[in-house]
Each structure stands twice: as C-alpha cells, then as structure tokens.
Amino acid sequence: MEYVYAALLLHAAGKEINEGNLRKVLEAAGVTPDEARIKALVAALEGVNIDEVIQKAAMPVAAPVAVAAAAPAAASGGAAEAAKKEEEKKEEVNEEEALAGLGALFG
C-alpha cells in the first residue's frame, strides 16, 4: 500500500510519477524500496488519469461493503512467531495481488 500512497502523494504534489521520484518518497518514509514493485506501479499507472480514477472511486457504491476486523491472536512463544510469519506472508501476497489488479483498476 505504501507504494500506491507514494504515487498519490507525488500526484497531489504535482510531481511526475516515475521510478526515481517513487524511490525518493519511499526512502524518505523509511521504506526500503523494492525495484520490481516500483517498476510495476509505474507501468500500471502509465497513461492513467489519476484524477478521473479518484473521482470514480469517490462515487457511492450500490451495495454496502462489509469490513472485516481481524482480532489479534493470543499466542505465545513459537506460536506467536509462526503467526507473525504467516501474517507477513499473507500481506506480501495481498500486495502482489493488489499490484496485479492495479492495472485493471486504472486501465
């Protein structure tokens, strides 16, 4: 998500969304940039009118969207570490899926 936020920040500031600028924003935020993610995002946003997409996203949704709240698991020792690794793995997969679907969203 931080990659998309960085792109939106650059857009709001009127700066070009390119690999160098994204890298600078991420580094300034204390995030270690992943070059593959940066390239994928820049490619997905190429030719996209971000203002138009934001306007469409702000329109009311016909059906209500359910928001699931995740409760932290009360685990100890090795179980807590295993749960943390599993959560990190899920986040990584979700970010990859989000980037894959980003092209469809903005394309």
N, C-alpha and C. Protein backbone atom coordinates (compact mmCIF):
# COMPACT_ATOMS: atom_id res chain seq x y z
N MET A 1 0.81 -1.19 0.00
CA MET A 1 0.00 0.00 0.00
C MET A 1 0.86 1.26 0.00
N GLU A 2 2.01 1.18 0.64
CA GLU A 2 2.84 2.38 0.72
C GLU A 2 3.29 2.86 -0.66
N TYR A 3 3.38 1.95 -1.62
CA TYR A 3 3.78 2.33 -2.97
C TYR A 3 2.67 3.17 -3.63
N VAL A 4 1.44 2.74 -3.46
CA VAL A 4 0.30 3.48 -4.02
C VAL A 4 0.18 4.84 -3.33
N TYR A 5 0.36 4.85 -2.01
CA TYR A 5 0.31 6.12 -1.27
C TYR A 5 1.39 7.07 -1.77
N ALA A 6 2.58 6.54 -2.02
CA ALA A 6 3.68 7.37 -2.52
C ALA A 6 3.31 7.97 -3.88
N ALA A 7 2.69 7.16 -4.73
CA ALA A 7 2.27 7.66 -6.05
C ALA A 7 1.21 8.74 -5.90
N LEU A 8 0.26 8.53 -5.00
CA LEU A 8 -0.78 9.54 -4.78
C LEU A 8 -0.20 10.82 -4.20
N LEU A 9 0.78 10.70 -3.34
CA LEU A 9 1.44 11.87 -2.78
C LEU A 9 2.15 12.66 -3.88
N LEU A 10 2.86 11.95 -4.75
CA LEU A 10 3.52 12.63 -5.87
C LEU A 10 2.50 13.32 -6.76
N HIS A 11 1.40 12.63 -7.03
CA HIS A 11 0.35 13.22 -7.87
C HIS A 11 -0.22 14.48 -7.22
N ALA A 12 -0.51 14.41 -5.93
CA ALA A 12 -1.07 15.56 -5.22
C ALA A 12 -0.10 16.74 -5.21
N ALA A 13 1.20 16.44 -5.21
CA ALA A 13 2.21 17.49 -5.21
C ALA A 13 2.51 18.01 -6.61
N GLY A 14 1.88 17.41 -7.61
CA GLY A 14 2.10 17.83 -8.98
C GLY A 14 3.41 17.35 -9.57
N LYS A 15 3.99 16.33 -8.98
CA LYS A 15 5.26 15.77 -9.45
C LYS A 15 5.00 14.59 -10.37
N GLU A 16 5.95 14.32 -11.23
CA GLU A 16 5.85 13.17 -12.13
C GLU A 16 5.99 11.86 -11.35
N ILE A 17 5.14 10.91 -11.66
CA ILE A 17 5.22 9.60 -11.00
C ILE A 17 6.15 8.74 -11.85
N ASN A 18 7.40 8.69 -11.42
CA ASN A 18 8.39 7.85 -12.09
C ASN A 18 9.17 7.07 -11.05
N GLU A 19 10.03 6.19 -11.50
CA GLU A 19 10.76 5.32 -10.59
C GLU A 19 11.61 6.09 -9.59
N GLY A 20 12.31 7.11 -10.07
CA GLY A 20 13.18 7.89 -9.20
C GLY A 20 12.42 8.63 -8.11
N ASN A 21 11.31 9.27 -8.50
CA ASN A 21 10.52 10.01 -7.52
C ASN A 21 9.86 9.07 -6.52
N LEU A 22 9.34 7.93 -6.99
CA LEU A 22 8.75 6.97 -6.05
C LEU A 22 9.79 6.47 -5.05
N ARG A 23 10.98 6.16 -5.56
CA ARG A 23 12.05 5.67 -4.69
C ARG A 23 12.38 6.70 -3.62
N LYS A 24 12.46 7.99 -4.00
CA LYS A 24 12.78 9.05 -3.04
C LYS A 24 11.71 9.18 -1.95
N VAL A 25 10.44 9.12 -2.35
CA VAL A 25 9.35 9.24 -1.38
C VAL A 25 9.38 8.06 -0.42
N LEU A 26 9.55 6.86 -0.95
CA LEU A 26 9.58 5.67 -0.09
C LEU A 26 10.75 5.72 0.88
N GLU A 27 11.92 6.10 0.39
CA GLU A 27 13.09 6.20 1.26
C GLU A 27 12.88 7.26 2.34
N ALA A 28 12.27 8.38 1.97
CA ALA A 28 12.01 9.44 2.94
C ALA A 28 11.04 8.97 4.02
N ALA A 29 10.17 8.03 3.66
CA ALA A 29 9.20 7.50 4.63
C ALA A 29 9.80 6.34 5.44
N GLY A 30 11.04 5.98 5.15
CA GLY A 30 11.69 4.91 5.90
C GLY A 30 11.39 3.52 5.37
N VAL A 31 10.91 3.44 4.11
CA VAL A 31 10.60 2.16 3.49
C VAL A 31 11.75 1.78 2.57
N THR A 32 12.20 0.53 2.63
CA THR A 32 13.21 0.06 1.71
C THR A 32 12.53 -0.25 0.39
N PRO A 33 12.84 0.50 -0.67
CA PRO A 33 12.14 0.33 -1.95
C PRO A 33 12.43 -1.02 -2.60
N ASP A 34 11.41 -1.61 -3.17
CA ASP A 34 11.52 -2.83 -3.95
C ASP A 34 11.41 -2.42 -5.41
N GLU A 35 12.50 -2.56 -6.15
CA GLU A 35 12.55 -2.07 -7.53
C GLU A 35 11.48 -2.70 -8.41
N ALA A 36 11.18 -3.98 -8.20
CA ALA A 36 10.16 -4.65 -9.02
C ALA A 36 8.79 -4.03 -8.78
N ARG A 37 8.47 -3.74 -7.55
CA ARG A 37 7.18 -3.12 -7.23
C ARG A 37 7.09 -1.70 -7.80
N ILE A 38 8.19 -0.98 -7.72
CA ILE A 38 8.21 0.38 -8.25
C ILE A 38 7.96 0.34 -9.76
N LYS A 39 8.68 -0.55 -10.46
CA LYS A 39 8.52 -0.64 -11.91
C LYS A 39 7.10 -1.07 -12.27
N ALA A 40 6.55 -2.01 -11.53
CA ALA A 40 5.19 -2.49 -11.80
C ALA A 40 4.17 -1.37 -11.62
N LEU A 41 4.33 -0.58 -10.58
CA LEU A 41 3.39 0.51 -10.33
C LEU A 41 3.50 1.59 -11.39
N VAL A 42 4.71 1.96 -11.75
CA VAL A 42 4.90 2.99 -12.79
C VAL A 42 4.29 2.50 -14.10
N ALA A 43 4.50 1.23 -14.44
CA ALA A 43 3.93 0.68 -15.67
C ALA A 43 2.41 0.65 -15.60
N ALA A 44 1.85 0.30 -14.44
CA ALA A 44 0.40 0.22 -14.29
C ALA A 44 -0.25 1.60 -14.37
N LEU A 45 0.46 2.62 -13.96
CA LEU A 45 -0.11 3.98 -13.95
C LEU A 45 0.14 4.74 -15.25
N GLU A 46 0.90 4.15 -16.15
CA GLU A 46 1.22 4.83 -17.41
C GLU A 46 -0.06 5.10 -18.21
N GLY A 47 -0.29 6.34 -18.54
CA GLY A 47 -1.45 6.73 -19.33
C GLY A 47 -2.75 6.80 -18.55
N VAL A 48 -2.68 6.73 -17.24
CA VAL A 48 -3.88 6.75 -16.40
C VAL A 48 -4.15 8.17 -15.92
N ASN A 49 -5.40 8.59 -15.99
CA ASN A 49 -5.80 9.88 -15.46
C ASN A 49 -6.20 9.65 -14.00
N ILE A 50 -5.29 9.93 -13.09
CA ILE A 50 -5.49 9.63 -11.68
C ILE A 50 -6.65 10.43 -11.10
N ASP A 51 -6.81 11.67 -11.50
CA ASP A 51 -7.92 12.48 -11.00
C ASP A 51 -9.26 11.84 -11.36
N GLU A 52 -9.36 11.32 -12.57
CA GLU A 52 -10.60 10.68 -13.01
C GLU A 52 -10.87 9.41 -12.20
N VAL A 53 -9.84 8.64 -11.94
CA VAL A 53 -9.98 7.40 -11.18
C VAL A 53 -10.39 7.71 -9.74
N ILE A 54 -9.80 8.73 -9.16
CA ILE A 54 -10.15 9.12 -7.79
C ILE A 54 -11.61 9.57 -7.73
N GLN A 55 -12.03 10.33 -8.74
CA GLN A 55 -13.42 10.79 -8.78
C GLN A 55 -14.38 9.60 -8.88
N LYS A 56 -14.05 8.63 -9.71
CA LYS A 56 -14.90 7.44 -9.83
C LYS A 56 -14.93 6.64 -8.53
N ALA A 57 -13.80 6.58 -7.86
CA ALA A 57 -13.72 5.83 -6.61
C ALA A 57 -14.52 6.52 -5.50
N ALA A 58 -14.70 7.81 -5.60
CA ALA A 58 -15.42 8.56 -4.57
C ALA A 58 -16.93 8.45 -4.73
N MET A 59 -17.39 7.89 -5.86
CA MET A 59 -18.83 7.74 -6.07
C MET A 59 -19.38 6.70 -5.12
N PRO A 60 -20.62 6.87 -4.67
CA PRO A 60 -21.22 5.90 -3.75
C PRO A 60 -21.35 4.53 -4.39
N VAL A 61 -21.16 3.52 -3.58
CA VAL A 61 -21.25 2.14 -4.03
C VAL A 61 -22.69 1.68 -3.88
N ALA A 62 -23.20 0.92 -4.86
CA ALA A 62 -24.59 0.47 -4.84
C ALA A 62 -24.87 -0.48 -3.68
N ALA A 63 -23.97 -1.40 -3.43
CA ALA A 63 -24.16 -2.36 -2.35
C ALA A 63 -23.18 -2.03 -1.22
N PRO A 64 -23.61 -2.18 0.01
CA PRO A 64 -22.70 -1.89 1.12
C PRO A 64 -21.54 -2.89 1.14
N VAL A 65 -20.40 -2.39 1.54
CA VAL A 65 -19.21 -3.21 1.61
C VAL A 65 -18.97 -3.59 3.06
N ALA A 66 -18.82 -4.87 3.31
CA ALA A 66 -18.56 -5.33 4.68
C ALA A 66 -17.08 -5.19 4.99
N VAL A 67 -16.77 -4.71 6.14
CA VAL A 67 -15.39 -4.56 6.57
C VAL A 67 -15.13 -5.58 7.66
N ALA A 68 -14.17 -6.42 7.44
CA ALA A 68 -13.83 -7.44 8.41
C ALA A 68 -12.74 -6.93 9.33
N ALA A 69 -12.92 -7.09 10.61
CA ALA A 69 -11.91 -6.69 11.58
C ALA A 69 -11.20 -7.93 12.07
N ALA A 70 -9.89 -7.89 12.00
CA ALA A 70 -9.10 -9.04 12.44
C ALA A 70 -8.71 -8.84 13.89
N ALA A 71 -8.99 -9.82 14.69
CA ALA A 71 -8.61 -9.77 16.10
C ALA A 71 -7.24 -10.40 16.26
N PRO A 72 -6.38 -9.78 17.03
CA PRO A 72 -5.05 -10.37 17.22
C PRO A 72 -5.14 -11.69 17.98
N ALA A 73 -4.35 -12.61 17.55
CA ALA A 73 -4.33 -13.93 18.18
C ALA A 73 -3.50 -13.88 19.45
N ALA A 74 -3.99 -14.52 20.47
CA ALA A 74 -3.25 -14.57 21.73
C ALA A 74 -2.41 -15.84 21.71
N ALA A 75 -1.18 -15.68 21.24
CA ALA A 75 -0.28 -16.82 21.13
C ALA A 75 0.99 -16.52 21.91
N SER A 76 1.73 -17.57 22.24
CA SER A 76 2.96 -17.36 22.99
C SER A 76 4.08 -18.16 22.36
N GLY A 77 5.31 -17.71 22.60
CA GLY A 77 6.49 -18.43 22.16
C GLY A 77 6.55 -18.63 20.66
N GLY A 78 6.78 -19.88 20.24
CA GLY A 78 6.92 -20.23 18.83
C GLY A 78 5.64 -20.02 18.06
N ALA A 79 4.51 -20.17 18.69
CA ALA A 79 3.23 -19.99 18.00
C ALA A 79 3.06 -18.54 17.56
N ALA A 80 3.49 -17.61 18.40
CA ALA A 80 3.39 -16.20 18.05
C ALA A 80 4.29 -15.87 16.86
N GLU A 81 5.48 -16.44 16.87
CA GLU A 81 6.41 -16.21 15.76
C GLU A 81 5.87 -16.80 14.47
N ALA A 82 5.29 -17.99 14.54
CA ALA A 82 4.72 -18.63 13.36
C ALA A 82 3.54 -17.82 12.83
N ALA A 83 2.72 -17.30 13.72
CA ALA A 83 1.58 -16.49 13.31
C ALA A 83 2.06 -15.21 12.64
N LYS A 84 3.13 -14.63 13.17
CA LYS A 84 3.66 -13.39 12.59
C LYS A 84 4.19 -13.65 11.18
N LYS A 85 4.90 -14.77 10.99
CA LYS A 85 5.43 -15.12 9.67
C LYS A 85 4.29 -15.36 8.69
N GLU A 86 3.24 -16.02 9.14
CA GLU A 86 2.08 -16.29 8.29
C GLU A 86 1.41 -14.98 7.88
N GLU A 87 1.29 -14.05 8.82
CA GLU A 87 0.68 -12.75 8.54
C GLU A 87 1.52 -11.98 7.53
N GLU A 88 2.85 -12.01 7.68
CA GLU A 88 3.73 -11.33 6.74
C GLU A 88 3.58 -11.93 5.35
N LYS A 89 3.46 -13.24 5.28
CA LYS A 89 3.30 -13.92 4.00
C LYS A 89 1.99 -13.50 3.34
N LYS A 90 0.90 -13.42 4.13
CA LYS A 90 -0.39 -13.00 3.60
C LYS A 90 -0.32 -11.57 3.09
N GLU A 91 0.34 -10.68 3.83
CA GLU A 91 0.46 -9.29 3.41
C GLU A 91 1.22 -9.19 2.10
N GLU A 92 2.29 -10.00 1.97
CA GLU A 92 3.08 -9.98 0.74
C GLU A 92 2.24 -10.43 -0.44
N VAL A 93 1.48 -11.50 -0.27
CA VAL A 93 0.63 -11.99 -1.34
C VAL A 93 -0.44 -10.96 -1.67
N ASN A 94 -1.05 -10.34 -0.66
CA ASN A 94 -2.07 -9.34 -0.89
C ASN A 94 -1.52 -8.14 -1.65
N GLU A 95 -0.30 -7.72 -1.35
CA GLU A 95 0.29 -6.60 -2.06
C GLU A 95 0.54 -6.97 -3.52
N GLU A 96 1.00 -8.22 -3.76
CA GLU A 96 1.23 -8.65 -5.13
C GLU A 96 -0.09 -8.71 -5.89
N GLU A 97 -1.14 -9.21 -5.26
CA GLU A 97 -2.45 -9.25 -5.90
C GLU A 97 -2.95 -7.84 -6.18
N ALA A 98 -2.71 -6.94 -5.24
CA ALA A 98 -3.16 -5.56 -5.41
C ALA A 98 -2.45 -4.92 -6.59
N LEU A 99 -1.15 -5.16 -6.71
CA LEU A 99 -0.41 -4.59 -7.83
C LEU A 99 -0.86 -5.21 -9.14
N ALA A 100 -1.15 -6.51 -9.14
CA ALA A 100 -1.64 -7.15 -10.35
C ALA A 100 -2.98 -6.59 -10.77
N GLY A 101 -3.84 -6.32 -9.82
CA GLY A 101 -5.15 -5.78 -10.12
C GLY A 101 -5.15 -4.28 -10.34
N LEU A 102 -4.05 -3.63 -10.00
CA LEU A 102 -3.95 -2.18 -10.14
C LEU A 102 -4.07 -1.76 -11.59
N GLY A 103 -3.52 -2.55 -12.48
CA GLY A 103 -3.61 -2.23 -13.90
C GLY A 103 -5.06 -2.20 -14.37
N ALA A 104 -5.85 -3.16 -13.91
CA ALA A 104 -7.26 -3.20 -14.29
C ALA A 104 -8.02 -2.02 -13.68
N LEU A 105 -7.66 -1.66 -12.46
CA LEU A 105 -8.33 -0.56 -11.78
C LEU A 105 -8.11 0.76 -12.48
N PHE A 106 -6.86 1.00 -12.89
CA PHE A 106 -6.51 2.26 -13.51
C PHE A 106 -6.49 2.20 -15.02
N GLY A 107 -6.66 1.04 -15.61
CA GLY A 107 -6.53 0.89 -17.07
C GLY A 107 -7.76 1.04 -17.79
